[in-house]
Amino acid sequence: MIFIYKRKRLDQQQPPPRQLSEIILVIGPPVHIDFLTENVDEIVKRIIKLGGKHESGERGDWGTIAYCSDPFGNGFCVINE
C-alpha cells in the first residue's frame, strides 16, 4: 500500500517568503501478486515490451511459472497450473 502526501511549508530563508512543496512517500508492507494465465510465454513477452523484467522461471508437470518485476522493481509471478 502506497500513500503519497503533499505538504506545504513556508520557506523563511530568503525574502520574500515562498511556498515549497514536500512530497512524503509512505510505503506499507510488500505485496506479492500472482497472475494466472493460459499462456505464460505470451504474457512475459508483453511484460518485457511494457518495460518489465523476466527474472527467471520454472516448468514442471504442475505447470509453468515466470518470476517477473515491473519497471519499479515490484515482483510478481505469472502462472499456468
N, C-alpha and C. Protein backbone atom coordinates (compact mmCIF):
# COMPACT_ATOMS: atom_id res chain seq x y z
N MET A 1 0.85 -1.16 0.00
CA MET A 1 0.00 0.00 0.00
C MET A 1 0.90 1.23 0.00
N ILE A 2 0.64 2.15 -0.89
CA ILE A 2 1.46 3.35 -1.00
C ILE A 2 0.57 4.57 -0.82
N PHE A 3 1.00 5.46 0.06
CA PHE A 3 0.31 6.72 0.26
C PHE A 3 1.28 7.83 -0.09
N ILE A 4 0.84 8.80 -0.84
CA ILE A 4 1.67 9.96 -1.14
C ILE A 4 0.97 11.19 -0.57
N TYR A 5 1.67 11.89 0.29
CA TYR A 5 1.13 13.09 0.90
C TYR A 5 1.90 14.29 0.36
N LYS A 6 1.21 15.36 0.09
CA LYS A 6 1.86 16.59 -0.32
C LYS A 6 1.66 17.60 0.80
N ARG A 7 2.75 18.09 1.35
CA ARG A 7 2.68 19.01 2.48
C ARG A 7 3.38 20.30 2.09
N LYS A 8 2.78 21.43 2.40
CA LYS A 8 3.40 22.73 2.10
C LYS A 8 3.94 23.34 3.38
N ARG A 9 5.06 24.02 3.23
CA ARG A 9 5.62 24.73 4.37
C ARG A 9 6.14 26.08 3.89
N LEU A 10 6.32 26.99 4.79
CA LEU A 10 6.80 28.32 4.46
C LEU A 10 8.32 28.34 4.56
N ASP A 11 8.98 28.72 3.48
CA ASP A 11 10.44 28.82 3.47
C ASP A 11 10.81 30.25 3.88
N GLN A 12 11.49 30.38 5.02
CA GLN A 12 11.80 31.71 5.53
C GLN A 12 13.29 32.04 5.39
N GLN A 13 14.00 31.33 4.52
CA GLN A 13 15.42 31.58 4.36
C GLN A 13 15.70 32.85 3.56
N GLN A 14 14.94 33.12 2.54
CA GLN A 14 15.16 34.28 1.67
C GLN A 14 13.86 35.08 1.55
N PRO A 15 13.92 36.40 1.73
CA PRO A 15 12.72 37.18 1.46
C PRO A 15 12.56 37.32 -0.05
N PRO A 16 11.41 37.43 -0.63
CA PRO A 16 10.12 37.27 0.02
C PRO A 16 9.82 35.79 0.27
N PRO A 17 9.03 35.49 1.30
CA PRO A 17 8.70 34.10 1.59
C PRO A 17 7.98 33.45 0.41
N ARG A 18 8.21 32.19 0.21
CA ARG A 18 7.55 31.45 -0.86
C ARG A 18 7.09 30.09 -0.35
N GLN A 19 6.17 29.51 -1.04
CA GLN A 19 5.66 28.21 -0.67
C GLN A 19 6.50 27.12 -1.33
N LEU A 20 6.92 26.13 -0.56
CA LEU A 20 7.63 24.97 -1.08
C LEU A 20 6.76 23.74 -0.86
N SER A 21 6.90 22.81 -1.72
CA SER A 21 6.15 21.55 -1.57
C SER A 21 7.11 20.44 -1.20
N GLU A 22 6.71 19.64 -0.24
CA GLU A 22 7.43 18.43 0.13
C GLU A 22 6.55 17.25 -0.19
N ILE A 23 7.12 16.25 -0.77
CA ILE A 23 6.37 15.02 -1.02
C ILE A 23 6.89 13.96 -0.07
N ILE A 24 5.98 13.38 0.67
CA ILE A 24 6.32 12.34 1.63
C ILE A 24 5.73 11.04 1.13
N LEU A 25 6.55 10.04 0.99
CA LEU A 25 6.13 8.74 0.49
C LEU A 25 6.12 7.76 1.64
N VAL A 26 4.96 7.18 1.91
CA VAL A 26 4.82 6.17 2.96
C VAL A 26 4.50 4.85 2.29
N ILE A 27 5.35 3.86 2.49
CA ILE A 27 5.17 2.57 1.83
C ILE A 27 4.86 1.52 2.89
N GLY A 28 3.80 0.77 2.66
CA GLY A 28 3.42 -0.30 3.57
C GLY A 28 4.20 -1.56 3.27
N PRO A 29 3.76 -2.67 3.85
CA PRO A 29 4.48 -3.93 3.63
C PRO A 29 4.43 -4.36 2.16
N PRO A 30 5.45 -5.07 1.69
CA PRO A 30 5.46 -5.51 0.29
C PRO A 30 4.28 -6.43 0.00
N VAL A 31 3.79 -6.34 -1.20
CA VAL A 31 2.68 -7.16 -1.65
C VAL A 31 3.16 -7.99 -2.84
N HIS A 32 2.86 -9.27 -2.85
CA HIS A 32 3.23 -10.13 -3.98
C HIS A 32 1.94 -10.58 -4.65
N ILE A 33 1.88 -10.43 -5.96
CA ILE A 33 0.69 -10.78 -6.72
C ILE A 33 1.04 -11.89 -7.71
N ASP A 34 0.17 -12.89 -7.81
CA ASP A 34 0.30 -13.95 -8.80
C ASP A 34 -0.81 -13.79 -9.82
N PHE A 35 -0.46 -13.84 -11.10
CA PHE A 35 -1.43 -13.77 -12.18
C PHE A 35 -1.53 -15.13 -12.84
N LEU A 36 -2.73 -15.66 -12.99
CA LEU A 36 -2.95 -16.93 -13.67
C LEU A 36 -3.30 -16.66 -15.12
N THR A 37 -2.71 -17.43 -16.04
CA THR A 37 -2.93 -17.23 -17.46
C THR A 37 -2.85 -18.57 -18.19
N GLU A 38 -3.37 -18.60 -19.39
CA GLU A 38 -3.28 -19.80 -20.23
C GLU A 38 -1.93 -19.90 -20.93
N ASN A 39 -1.29 -18.74 -21.22
CA ASN A 39 -0.05 -18.73 -21.99
C ASN A 39 0.98 -17.82 -21.31
N VAL A 40 1.84 -18.41 -20.50
CA VAL A 40 2.84 -17.65 -19.75
C VAL A 40 3.82 -16.95 -20.69
N ASP A 41 4.28 -17.64 -21.73
CA ASP A 41 5.27 -17.05 -22.65
C ASP A 41 4.74 -15.79 -23.32
N GLU A 42 3.49 -15.80 -23.73
CA GLU A 42 2.89 -14.63 -24.39
C GLU A 42 2.81 -13.44 -23.43
N ILE A 43 2.42 -13.71 -22.19
CA ILE A 43 2.32 -12.63 -21.20
C ILE A 43 3.70 -12.09 -20.85
N VAL A 44 4.71 -12.95 -20.73
CA VAL A 44 6.07 -12.48 -20.43
C VAL A 44 6.57 -11.57 -21.54
N LYS A 45 6.29 -11.89 -22.80
CA LYS A 45 6.68 -11.01 -23.91
C LYS A 45 6.04 -9.64 -23.77
N ARG A 46 4.77 -9.60 -23.37
CA ARG A 46 4.08 -8.32 -23.18
C ARG A 46 4.66 -7.54 -22.01
N ILE A 47 5.01 -8.24 -20.93
CA ILE A 47 5.62 -7.59 -19.76
C ILE A 47 6.92 -6.91 -20.15
N ILE A 48 7.77 -7.62 -20.89
CA ILE A 48 9.06 -7.06 -21.33
C ILE A 48 8.83 -5.87 -22.26
N LYS A 49 7.88 -5.99 -23.17
CA LYS A 49 7.58 -4.90 -24.11
C LYS A 49 7.13 -3.63 -23.37
N LEU A 50 6.45 -3.80 -22.22
CA LEU A 50 5.95 -2.67 -21.45
C LEU A 50 6.95 -2.15 -20.40
N GLY A 51 8.19 -2.69 -20.41
CA GLY A 51 9.23 -2.18 -19.52
C GLY A 51 9.51 -3.03 -18.30
N GLY A 52 8.82 -4.13 -18.14
CA GLY A 52 9.07 -5.03 -17.01
C GLY A 52 10.24 -5.97 -17.30
N LYS A 53 10.55 -6.81 -16.34
CA LYS A 53 11.66 -7.76 -16.48
C LYS A 53 11.19 -9.17 -16.19
N HIS A 54 11.78 -10.12 -16.90
CA HIS A 54 11.58 -11.54 -16.63
C HIS A 54 12.81 -12.01 -15.87
N GLU A 55 12.67 -12.23 -14.57
CA GLU A 55 13.80 -12.57 -13.72
C GLU A 55 14.25 -14.03 -13.92
N SER A 56 13.30 -14.95 -13.87
CA SER A 56 13.57 -16.38 -14.07
C SER A 56 12.24 -17.10 -14.17
N GLY A 57 12.30 -18.42 -14.22
CA GLY A 57 11.07 -19.19 -14.31
C GLY A 57 11.31 -20.67 -14.13
N GLU A 58 10.23 -21.43 -14.06
CA GLU A 58 10.31 -22.88 -13.89
C GLU A 58 9.18 -23.52 -14.68
N ARG A 59 9.44 -24.74 -15.13
CA ARG A 59 8.41 -25.56 -15.79
C ARG A 59 8.43 -26.94 -15.15
N GLY A 60 7.25 -27.54 -15.03
CA GLY A 60 7.17 -28.88 -14.46
C GLY A 60 5.84 -29.52 -14.82
N ASP A 61 5.60 -30.70 -14.26
CA ASP A 61 4.34 -31.39 -14.51
C ASP A 61 3.15 -30.58 -14.00
N TRP A 62 3.39 -29.76 -13.01
CA TRP A 62 2.34 -28.95 -12.40
C TRP A 62 1.97 -27.74 -13.24
N GLY A 63 2.89 -27.27 -14.13
CA GLY A 63 2.63 -26.08 -14.96
C GLY A 63 3.88 -25.25 -15.16
N THR A 64 3.68 -23.96 -15.36
CA THR A 64 4.77 -23.02 -15.65
C THR A 64 4.63 -21.80 -14.76
N ILE A 65 5.77 -21.27 -14.31
CA ILE A 65 5.77 -20.03 -13.53
C ILE A 65 6.88 -19.13 -14.05
N ALA A 66 6.60 -17.84 -14.19
CA ALA A 66 7.59 -16.84 -14.57
C ALA A 66 7.68 -15.82 -13.44
N TYR A 67 8.90 -15.61 -12.93
CA TYR A 67 9.13 -14.61 -11.89
C TYR A 67 9.50 -13.30 -12.60
N CYS A 68 8.67 -12.28 -12.39
CA CYS A 68 8.83 -11.02 -13.12
C CYS A 68 8.85 -9.84 -12.16
N SER A 69 9.18 -8.67 -12.70
CA SER A 69 9.09 -7.43 -11.93
C SER A 69 8.65 -6.31 -12.86
N ASP A 70 7.96 -5.33 -12.28
CA ASP A 70 7.54 -4.17 -13.06
C ASP A 70 8.71 -3.20 -13.19
N PRO A 71 8.55 -2.10 -13.94
CA PRO A 71 9.66 -1.16 -14.12
C PRO A 71 10.19 -0.54 -12.82
N PHE A 72 9.41 -0.62 -11.73
CA PHE A 72 9.84 -0.07 -10.45
C PHE A 72 10.46 -1.12 -9.53
N GLY A 73 10.55 -2.38 -10.01
CA GLY A 73 11.17 -3.44 -9.24
C GLY A 73 10.24 -4.25 -8.36
N ASN A 74 8.93 -4.00 -8.45
CA ASN A 74 7.96 -4.79 -7.67
C ASN A 74 7.78 -6.16 -8.31
N GLY A 75 7.99 -7.21 -7.52
CA GLY A 75 7.93 -8.56 -8.04
C GLY A 75 6.52 -9.11 -8.12
N PHE A 76 6.32 -9.98 -9.11
CA PHE A 76 5.06 -10.70 -9.28
C PHE A 76 5.32 -11.94 -10.11
N CYS A 77 4.39 -12.87 -10.10
CA CYS A 77 4.54 -14.12 -10.86
C CYS A 77 3.41 -14.26 -11.87
N VAL A 78 3.74 -14.90 -12.99
CA VAL A 78 2.75 -15.27 -14.00
C VAL A 78 2.75 -16.79 -14.00
N ILE A 79 1.57 -17.40 -13.79
CA ILE A 79 1.48 -18.84 -13.56
C ILE A 79 0.45 -19.49 -14.48
N ASN A 80 0.78 -20.69 -14.95
CA ASN A 80 -0.17 -21.56 -15.62
C ASN A 80 -0.12 -22.88 -14.88
N GLU A 81 -1.24 -23.25 -14.25
CA GLU A 81 -1.30 -24.51 -13.48
C GLU A 81 -1.95 -25.60 -14.28
